[in-house]
């Protein structure tokens, strides 16, 4: 079927970046773009990126931030988000020649702009589009966190998510999700997943300039061997269980000098007291010199630190996709990972990844010791690049099959 479309016409794909303001969302856009770029010539693809005008984008996030701050009893920060700049930077790093198209945030102008490029399909769409939308489109549902962790959400937030997801399942020609377990949960929760396609775990090769490796270690004052956690400091990421396991580890002879490096924004709007809880544990256990909290750092710095680590630790209690973004990066770099055995994570079948029992510090401690006591020979750069390119082409073929199905469904 794909070959039929390939032979007959050029496919004009429009990425819609208007609602992907969070770091993981931007990473997803780059991930999907890389997959399509790997099969671009084979399927005669033209790829465009659609964004709202910069001023409208800033105004939108200013209003949302102001409402959120006032709701929480805080004064708004009046800080520019520069969402479009972040998206453009990430996309240009992946594809410097990609063409950006801007619209005024109305559906009529969006349709006009899509008409101007003779759009074949719009993706990924997180908002609900009407049944008479004049182009094929692919929806996106990131996760069902409001079902798995209902106490993280207000009744209104849960109701809003349920309405949106139900409407997407009803209206979208196709929907992509990051994991098989999300597709299964959609079926259980909403009674429908016929138009849902789960993406496979296919980490790309991530070209990284390691020439400043020594400077990065000096910059963050890291001198000893270390494990690393690369997560935002949200409660469900469960840093505390990793801290407890690490506290046990460095009490063992020979491991006293090991460090634990953590990157990621140190804030959790839902549970602001959680950061204080982590800090209190560090002080109580006298780990101030052993656990290094670096906060949010540039992506290149994070990749270099990960590449130099003993292993990545992913203690998360919930993810919308296998392992979260950090495990994709670790596999791409050829670095070992120790991750929680939640259902979505168990979709990963990779020799670099081992599992511990979620929320069990002893289980994690044992796995950390096993890693330290085992011999490990990392793949060379050539091998990593070839493996990553192969996986990216698999993603491209997988995504093209979904795009083809969507176009055919829409024509019916």
Protein backbone atom coordinates (compact mmCIF):
# COMPACT_ATOMS: atom_id res chain seq x y z
CA UNK A 1 0.00 0.00 0.00
CA UNK A 2 2.77 2.43 0.90
CA UNK A 3 4.46 1.77 -2.42
CA UNK A 4 1.20 2.67 -4.23
CA UNK A 5 1.21 6.14 -2.67
CA UNK A 6 4.95 6.48 -3.17
CA UNK A 7 4.67 5.78 -6.88
CA UNK A 8 1.63 7.97 -7.51
CA UNK A 9 2.30 11.23 -5.71
CA UNK A 10 4.47 13.33 -3.48
CA UNK A 11 3.41 13.33 0.19
CA UNK A 12 3.39 16.72 1.92
CA UNK A 13 3.59 16.25 5.67
CA UNK A 14 2.80 19.12 8.05
CA UNK A 15 4.04 18.85 11.63
CA UNK A 16 1.81 20.92 13.92
CA UNK A 17 3.94 22.21 16.79
CA UNK A 18 1.42 24.56 18.39
CA UNK A 19 0.70 22.45 21.47
CA UNK A 20 4.09 20.88 22.17
CA UNK A 21 5.61 23.29 24.65
CA UNK A 22 7.09 20.80 27.14
CA UNK A 23 10.60 19.34 26.77
CA UNK A 24 9.39 15.77 26.18
CA UNK A 25 6.91 17.01 23.58
CA UNK A 26 9.62 18.81 21.63
CA UNK A 27 11.81 15.68 21.84
CA UNK A 28 8.90 13.69 20.38
CA UNK A 29 8.61 16.08 17.41
CA UNK A 30 12.34 15.70 16.71
CA UNK A 31 12.11 11.90 17.09
CA UNK A 32 9.26 11.63 14.58
CA UNK A 33 10.94 14.07 12.19
CA UNK A 34 14.17 12.05 12.24
CA UNK A 35 12.21 8.90 11.45
CA UNK A 36 10.51 10.49 8.43
CA UNK A 37 13.72 12.13 7.23
CA UNK A 38 15.34 8.67 7.10
CA UNK A 39 12.80 7.57 4.46
CA UNK A 40 12.24 10.98 2.88
CA UNK A 41 13.73 10.18 -0.52
CA UNK A 42 12.24 6.70 -0.69
CA UNK A 43 8.68 8.03 -0.28
CA UNK A 44 9.16 11.45 -1.94
CA UNK A 45 8.28 13.39 1.21
CA UNK A 46 8.14 17.15 1.65
CA UNK A 47 8.04 18.07 5.35
CA UNK A 48 6.85 21.38 6.78
CA UNK A 49 6.57 22.71 10.31
CA UNK A 50 3.48 24.73 11.26
CA UNK A 51 3.63 27.10 14.24
CA UNK A 52 1.50 30.00 15.50
CA UNK A 53 3.01 33.47 15.02
CA UNK A 54 5.62 34.25 17.68
CA UNK A 55 3.64 37.08 19.30
CA UNK A 56 0.50 34.94 19.54
CA UNK A 57 2.47 32.02 20.97
CA UNK A 58 4.02 34.23 23.67
CA UNK A 59 0.64 35.78 24.51
CA UNK A 60 -0.96 32.35 24.85
CA UNK A 61 1.66 31.06 27.30
CA UNK A 62 1.68 34.37 29.19
CA UNK A 63 -2.09 34.03 29.76
CA UNK A 64 -1.78 30.36 30.76
CA UNK A 65 1.10 31.10 33.17
CA UNK A 66 -0.76 34.03 34.70
CA UNK A 67 -3.93 31.97 35.26
CA UNK A 68 -1.91 29.09 36.72
CA UNK A 69 0.08 31.37 39.07
CA UNK A 70 -2.98 33.23 40.34
CA UNK A 71 -4.80 29.94 40.89
CA UNK A 72 -1.92 28.79 43.09
CA UNK A 73 -1.86 32.10 44.98
CA UNK A 74 1.42 33.26 43.44
CA UNK A 75 2.29 36.34 41.43
CA UNK A 76 3.03 35.58 37.76
CA UNK A 77 6.71 35.71 36.77
CA UNK A 78 6.11 37.65 33.51
CA UNK A 79 8.95 35.65 32.00
CA UNK A 80 9.07 35.02 28.26
CA UNK A 81 8.68 31.34 27.39
CA UNK A 82 10.03 31.64 23.84
CA UNK A 83 8.39 28.32 22.96
CA UNK A 84 8.77 28.88 19.22
CA UNK A 85 12.49 29.59 19.66
CA UNK A 86 12.95 26.32 21.55
CA UNK A 87 11.05 24.35 18.91
CA UNK A 88 12.89 26.02 16.02
CA UNK A 89 16.26 25.39 17.64
CA UNK A 90 15.52 21.69 18.23
CA UNK A 91 14.10 21.18 14.74
CA UNK A 92 16.91 23.06 12.97
CA UNK A 93 19.48 20.91 14.81
CA UNK A 94 17.76 17.89 13.28
CA UNK A 95 16.92 19.35 9.85
CA UNK A 96 18.48 22.75 9.04
CA UNK A 97 16.58 23.00 5.75
CA UNK A 98 13.06 22.45 7.04
CA UNK A 99 10.49 25.10 6.09
CA UNK A 100 8.44 26.77 8.85
CA UNK A 101 4.93 28.06 8.16
CA UNK A 102 3.16 30.48 10.53
CA UNK A 103 -0.55 31.02 11.11
CA UNK A 104 -2.62 33.35 13.31
CA UNK A 105 -3.95 30.63 15.63
CA UNK A 106 -7.35 30.42 13.97
CA UNK A 107 -8.51 27.21 12.32
CA UNK A 108 -9.43 29.04 9.12
CA UNK A 109 -5.88 30.42 8.76
CA UNK A 110 -4.43 26.99 9.60
CA UNK A 111 -6.52 25.49 6.78
CA UNK A 112 -5.40 28.26 4.38
CA UNK A 113 -1.74 27.57 5.18
CA UNK A 114 -2.20 23.81 4.77
CA UNK A 115 -3.90 24.43 1.42
CA UNK A 116 -0.91 26.51 0.31
CA UNK A 117 1.39 23.48 0.65
CA UNK A 118 -1.17 20.99 -0.67
CA UNK A 119 -1.00 19.18 2.68
CA UNK A 120 -1.36 15.37 2.59
CA UNK A 121 -1.54 14.87 6.36
CA UNK A 122 -1.33 16.99 9.54
CA UNK A 123 0.35 15.56 12.65
CA UNK A 124 0.62 15.12 15.60
CA UNK A 125 -2.68 16.64 16.80
CA UNK A 126 -3.48 16.84 20.51
CA UNK A 127 -6.59 19.02 20.21
CA UNK A 128 -9.89 17.95 18.72
CA UNK A 129 -10.51 18.79 15.08
CA UNK A 130 -14.02 18.73 13.57
CA UNK A 131 -15.33 15.87 11.45
CA UNK A 132 -15.30 18.12 8.38
CA UNK A 133 -11.63 19.11 8.75
CA UNK A 134 -10.44 19.13 5.12
CA UNK A 135 -7.17 17.21 5.59
CA UNK A 136 -6.21 13.79 6.93
CA UNK A 137 -4.77 14.12 10.44
CA UNK A 138 -3.10 11.96 13.06
CA UNK A 139 -3.94 12.54 16.71
CA UNK A 140 -1.58 12.06 19.64
CA UNK A 141 -2.36 10.93 23.20
CA UNK A 142 0.74 11.18 25.43
CA UNK A 143 -0.45 9.05 28.35
CA UNK A 144 -3.30 8.19 30.70
CA UNK A 145 -1.66 9.58 33.81
CA UNK A 146 -5.02 10.85 35.08
CA UNK A 147 -6.20 7.21 35.18
CA UNK A 148 -3.04 5.68 36.67
CA UNK A 149 -2.34 8.53 39.13
CA UNK A 150 -5.77 10.15 39.69
CA UNK A 151 -4.64 11.87 42.90
CA UNK A 152 -2.35 14.07 40.77
CA UNK A 153 -5.35 15.72 39.10
CA UNK A 154 -8.39 17.75 40.08
CA UNK A 155 -11.84 16.46 39.14
CA UNK A 156 -12.05 19.18 36.49
CA UNK A 157 -8.66 18.20 34.98
CA UNK A 158 -9.63 14.51 34.85
CA UNK A 159 -12.98 15.35 33.27
CA UNK A 160 -11.28 17.57 30.65
CA UNK A 161 -8.79 14.85 29.71
CA UNK A 162 -11.54 12.22 29.46
CA UNK A 163 -13.59 14.46 27.17
CA UNK A 164 -10.64 15.24 24.91
CA UNK A 165 -9.40 11.66 24.64
CA UNK A 166 -12.88 10.27 23.99
CA UNK A 167 -13.41 12.87 21.23
CA UNK A 168 -9.99 12.12 19.69
CA UNK A 169 -10.76 8.40 19.65
CA UNK A 170 -14.09 9.15 17.98
CA UNK A 171 -12.96 11.77 15.42
CA UNK A 172 -9.32 11.14 14.52
CA UNK A 173 -8.63 9.00 11.44
CA UNK A 174 -5.59 7.68 13.34
CA UNK A 175 -3.91 8.26 16.71
CA UNK A 176 -0.34 7.53 17.77
CA UNK A 177 0.75 6.64 21.30
CA UNK A 178 4.22 5.94 22.66
CA UNK A 179 3.59 2.45 23.98
CA UNK A 180 1.57 -0.72 23.52
CA UNK A 181 0.43 -0.48 27.14
CA UNK A 182 -1.10 2.96 26.46
CA UNK A 183 -3.09 1.51 23.53
CA UNK A 184 -4.30 -1.32 25.77
CA UNK A 185 -5.26 1.10 28.54
CA UNK A 186 -7.23 3.25 26.05
CA UNK A 187 -9.20 0.15 25.07
CA UNK A 188 -9.93 -0.70 28.71
CA UNK A 189 -10.82 2.89 29.69
CA UNK A 190 -12.73 4.14 26.66
CA UNK A 191 -13.74 0.91 24.92
CA UNK A 192 -12.04 1.83 21.67
CA UNK A 193 -8.54 1.64 20.25
CA UNK A 194 -9.14 0.52 16.66
CA UNK A 195 -7.64 3.71 15.24
CA UNK A 196 -4.71 3.76 17.70
CA UNK A 197 -1.16 2.81 16.67
CA UNK A 198 1.63 2.39 19.20
CA UNK A 199 5.16 3.40 18.23
CA UNK A 200 7.94 0.91 18.93
CA UNK A 201 10.96 1.56 21.16
CA UNK A 202 13.46 2.64 18.50
CA UNK A 203 16.07 5.06 19.93
CA UNK A 204 17.92 6.99 17.21
CA UNK A 205 21.62 7.64 16.96
CA UNK A 206 22.21 11.07 18.52
CA UNK A 207 25.32 12.77 17.08
CA UNK A 208 27.08 14.41 20.01
CA UNK A 209 30.26 16.49 20.11
CA UNK A 210 32.32 15.01 22.95
CA UNK A 211 35.32 17.28 22.38
CA UNK A 212 34.50 19.33 25.49
CA UNK A 213 34.15 16.30 27.78
CA UNK A 214 36.85 17.42 30.22
CA UNK A 215 35.49 20.98 30.35
CA UNK A 216 32.00 19.67 31.18
CA UNK A 217 33.33 17.56 34.08
CA UNK A 218 35.19 20.59 35.41
CA UNK A 219 32.16 22.82 34.91
CA UNK A 220 30.05 20.63 37.19
CA UNK A 221 32.95 19.69 39.50
CA UNK A 222 32.59 15.94 38.90
CA UNK A 223 35.76 14.00 39.66
CA UNK A 224 34.58 10.51 40.65
CA UNK A 225 32.63 7.73 38.95
CA UNK A 226 28.90 8.28 39.09
CA UNK A 227 25.43 7.01 38.30
CA UNK A 228 23.08 9.53 36.68
CA UNK A 229 19.37 10.35 36.77
CA UNK A 230 18.03 12.61 34.00
CA UNK A 231 14.44 13.41 35.01
CA UNK A 232 12.42 16.42 36.02
CA UNK A 233 11.95 16.43 39.79
CA UNK A 234 8.33 15.33 39.69
CA UNK A 235 7.05 13.12 42.48
CA UNK A 236 6.15 10.22 40.20
CA UNK A 237 9.75 10.08 38.93
CA UNK A 238 10.54 8.69 42.41
CA UNK A 239 13.99 10.17 42.99
CA UNK A 240 13.64 9.32 46.68
CA UNK A 241 13.81 5.57 46.08
CA UNK A 242 17.02 6.09 44.08
CA UNK A 243 18.46 8.26 46.86
CA UNK A 244 17.71 5.52 49.41
CA UNK A 245 19.32 2.82 47.24
CA UNK A 246 22.35 5.04 46.65
CA UNK A 247 22.66 5.71 50.41
CA UNK A 248 22.84 1.93 50.95
CA UNK A 249 25.39 1.50 48.16
CA UNK A 250 28.00 3.98 49.36
CA UNK A 251 28.03 2.37 52.79
CA UNK A 252 29.58 -0.73 51.17
CA UNK A 253 33.39 -0.98 51.18
CA UNK A 254 34.92 0.16 47.91
CA UNK A 255 31.91 2.22 46.82
CA UNK A 256 32.25 5.16 49.22
CA UNK A 257 33.47 7.57 46.52
CA UNK A 258 30.74 6.83 43.97
CA UNK A 259 28.49 9.81 43.19
CA UNK A 260 24.90 10.21 42.03
CA UNK A 261 24.39 13.02 39.51
CA UNK A 262 20.88 14.35 38.91
CA UNK A 263 19.82 16.69 36.11
CA UNK A 264 16.39 18.25 35.58
CA UNK A 265 14.25 21.16 36.75
CA UNK A 266 13.93 21.08 40.51
CA UNK A 267 10.26 21.90 40.78
CA UNK A 268 6.96 20.07 40.99
CA UNK A 269 3.96 22.39 40.75
CA UNK A 270 1.58 19.68 41.92
CA UNK A 271 3.69 18.75 44.95
CA UNK A 272 5.99 21.72 45.73
CA UNK A 273 6.89 20.20 49.11
CA UNK A 274 8.48 17.18 47.37
CA UNK A 275 11.74 19.03 46.62
CA UNK A 276 12.06 19.92 50.32
CA UNK A 277 11.50 16.25 51.19
CA UNK A 278 14.37 15.23 48.91
CA UNK A 279 16.66 17.93 50.29
CA UNK A 280 15.82 16.88 53.84
CA UNK A 281 16.73 13.27 53.06
CA UNK A 282 20.09 14.34 51.57
CA UNK A 283 20.93 16.37 54.68
CA UNK A 284 19.73 13.73 57.14
CA UNK A 285 21.79 11.02 55.42
CA UNK A 286 24.80 13.38 55.04
CA UNK A 287 24.82 12.98 51.26
CA UNK A 288 25.49 16.63 50.35
CA UNK A 289 28.84 15.73 48.78
CA UNK A 290 27.65 12.51 47.20
CA UNK A 291 24.39 13.47 45.47
CA UNK A 292 24.95 16.28 42.98
CA UNK A 293 21.79 18.18 41.99
CA UNK A 294 22.69 20.08 38.82
CA UNK A 295 19.23 21.37 37.94
CA UNK A 296 18.25 22.06 34.33
CA UNK A 297 21.35 22.01 32.11
CA UNK A 298 21.96 22.24 28.33
CA UNK A 299 21.11 19.04 26.44
CA UNK A 300 24.66 18.66 25.14
CA UNK A 301 26.02 18.81 28.71
CA UNK A 302 23.49 16.19 29.81
CA UNK A 303 24.46 13.86 26.95
CA UNK A 304 28.18 14.17 27.75
CA UNK A 305 27.54 13.47 31.44
CA UNK A 306 25.37 10.49 30.58
CA UNK A 307 28.03 9.13 28.23
CA UNK A 308 30.61 9.30 31.03
CA UNK A 309 28.37 7.69 33.67
CA UNK A 310 28.45 4.17 35.08
CA UNK A 311 24.78 3.78 34.18
CA UNK A 312 21.53 5.69 33.96
CA UNK A 313 18.97 5.12 36.72
CA UNK A 314 15.30 5.50 35.82
CA UNK A 315 13.23 4.95 39.00
CA UNK A 316 9.96 6.32 37.55
CA UNK A 317 6.54 5.11 38.68
CA UNK A 318 4.80 6.26 35.51
CA UNK A 319 5.71 6.94 31.87
CA UNK A 320 3.71 7.42 28.69
CA UNK A 321 6.43 5.62 26.71
CA UNK A 322 9.01 2.93 27.53
CA UNK A 323 11.71 4.28 29.82
CA UNK A 324 10.97 7.94 29.17
CA UNK A 325 13.27 10.11 27.06
CA UNK A 326 16.35 9.44 29.20
CA UNK A 327 16.47 5.73 28.36
CA UNK A 328 16.19 6.52 24.64
CA UNK A 329 19.27 8.73 25.03
CA UNK A 330 21.17 6.13 27.06
CA UNK A 331 20.56 3.34 24.51
CA UNK A 332 21.52 5.70 21.71
CA UNK A 333 24.83 6.39 23.49
CA UNK A 334 25.41 2.71 24.33
CA UNK A 335 25.08 3.34 28.07
CA UNK A 336 23.53 0.82 30.47
CA UNK A 337 20.27 1.66 32.25
CA UNK A 338 18.63 0.33 35.41
CA UNK A 339 14.92 1.02 35.21
CA UNK A 340 11.78 0.33 37.24
CA UNK A 341 9.75 -2.70 36.17
CA UNK A 342 6.47 -0.86 35.56
CA UNK A 343 4.45 -2.34 32.69
CA UNK A 344 5.33 0.27 30.06
CA UNK A 345 9.07 -0.08 30.74
CA UNK A 346 8.92 -3.84 30.24
CA UNK A 347 8.21 -3.22 26.54
CA UNK A 348 11.94 -2.50 26.17
CA UNK A 349 13.89 -5.48 24.89
CA UNK A 350 17.52 -4.35 24.89
CA UNK A 351 20.61 -5.89 26.46
CA UNK A 352 21.69 -2.50 27.83
CA UNK A 353 18.56 -2.28 29.99
CA UNK A 354 18.01 -4.14 33.27
CA UNK A 355 15.07 -3.88 35.66
CA UNK A 356 14.51 -3.47 39.38
CA UNK A 357 11.29 -3.78 41.35
CA UNK A 358 9.58 -0.37 41.31
CA UNK A 359 9.55 1.47 44.69
CA UNK A 360 11.98 -1.06 46.17
CA UNK A 361 15.27 0.53 47.17
CA UNK A 362 16.87 -2.83 48.04
CA UNK A 363 16.13 -4.19 44.57
CA UNK A 364 17.70 -1.09 42.99
CA UNK A 365 20.70 -1.25 45.34
CA UNK A 366 21.35 -4.86 44.27
CA UNK A 367 21.18 -3.93 40.57
CA UNK A 368 23.57 -1.01 41.09
CA UNK A 369 26.06 -3.37 42.76
CA UNK A 370 25.70 -5.87 39.92
CA UNK A 371 26.51 -3.14 37.40
CA UNK A 372 29.57 -2.03 39.38
CA UNK A 373 30.84 -5.60 39.71
CA UNK A 374 30.34 -6.57 36.06
CA UNK A 375 32.62 -6.08 33.07
CA UNK A 376 31.20 -3.85 30.35
CA UNK A 377 32.57 -3.13 26.88
CA UNK A 378 30.76 -0.25 25.23
CA UNK A 379 30.13 -0.35 21.47
CA UNK A 380 32.37 1.95 19.41
CA UNK A 381 31.00 5.04 17.69
CA UNK A 382 30.71 3.32 14.31
CA UNK A 383 28.66 0.46 15.79
CA UNK A 384 26.43 2.86 17.74
CA UNK A 385 25.82 4.99 14.66
CA UNK A 386 24.90 1.99 12.49
CA UNK A 387 22.55 0.58 15.14
CA UNK A 388 20.89 3.98 15.62
CA UNK A 389 20.47 4.60 11.89
CA UNK A 390 18.89 1.15 11.49
CA UNK A 391 16.40 1.84 14.31
CA UNK A 392 15.55 5.29 12.89
CA UNK A 393 14.78 3.76 9.49
CA UNK A 394 12.55 1.20 11.22
CA UNK A 395 10.72 4.11 12.87
CA UNK A 396 10.41 5.88 9.51
CA UNK A 397 8.89 2.79 7.89
CA UNK A 398 6.56 2.24 10.86
CA UNK A 399 5.38 5.85 10.82
CA UNK A 400 4.93 5.85 7.04
CA UNK A 401 2.65 2.82 7.38
CA UNK A 402 0.51 4.80 9.84
CA UNK A 403 0.48 7.87 7.55
CA UNK A 404 -0.52 5.73 4.57
CA UNK A 405 -3.35 4.08 6.55
CA UNK A 406 -4.54 7.52 7.69
CA UNK A 407 -4.68 8.92 4.16
CA UNK A 408 -6.59 5.87 2.91
CA UNK A 409 -9.03 6.00 5.84
CA UNK A 410 -9.68 9.68 5.25
CA UNK A 411 -10.45 9.10 1.57
CA UNK A 412 -13.10 6.56 2.54
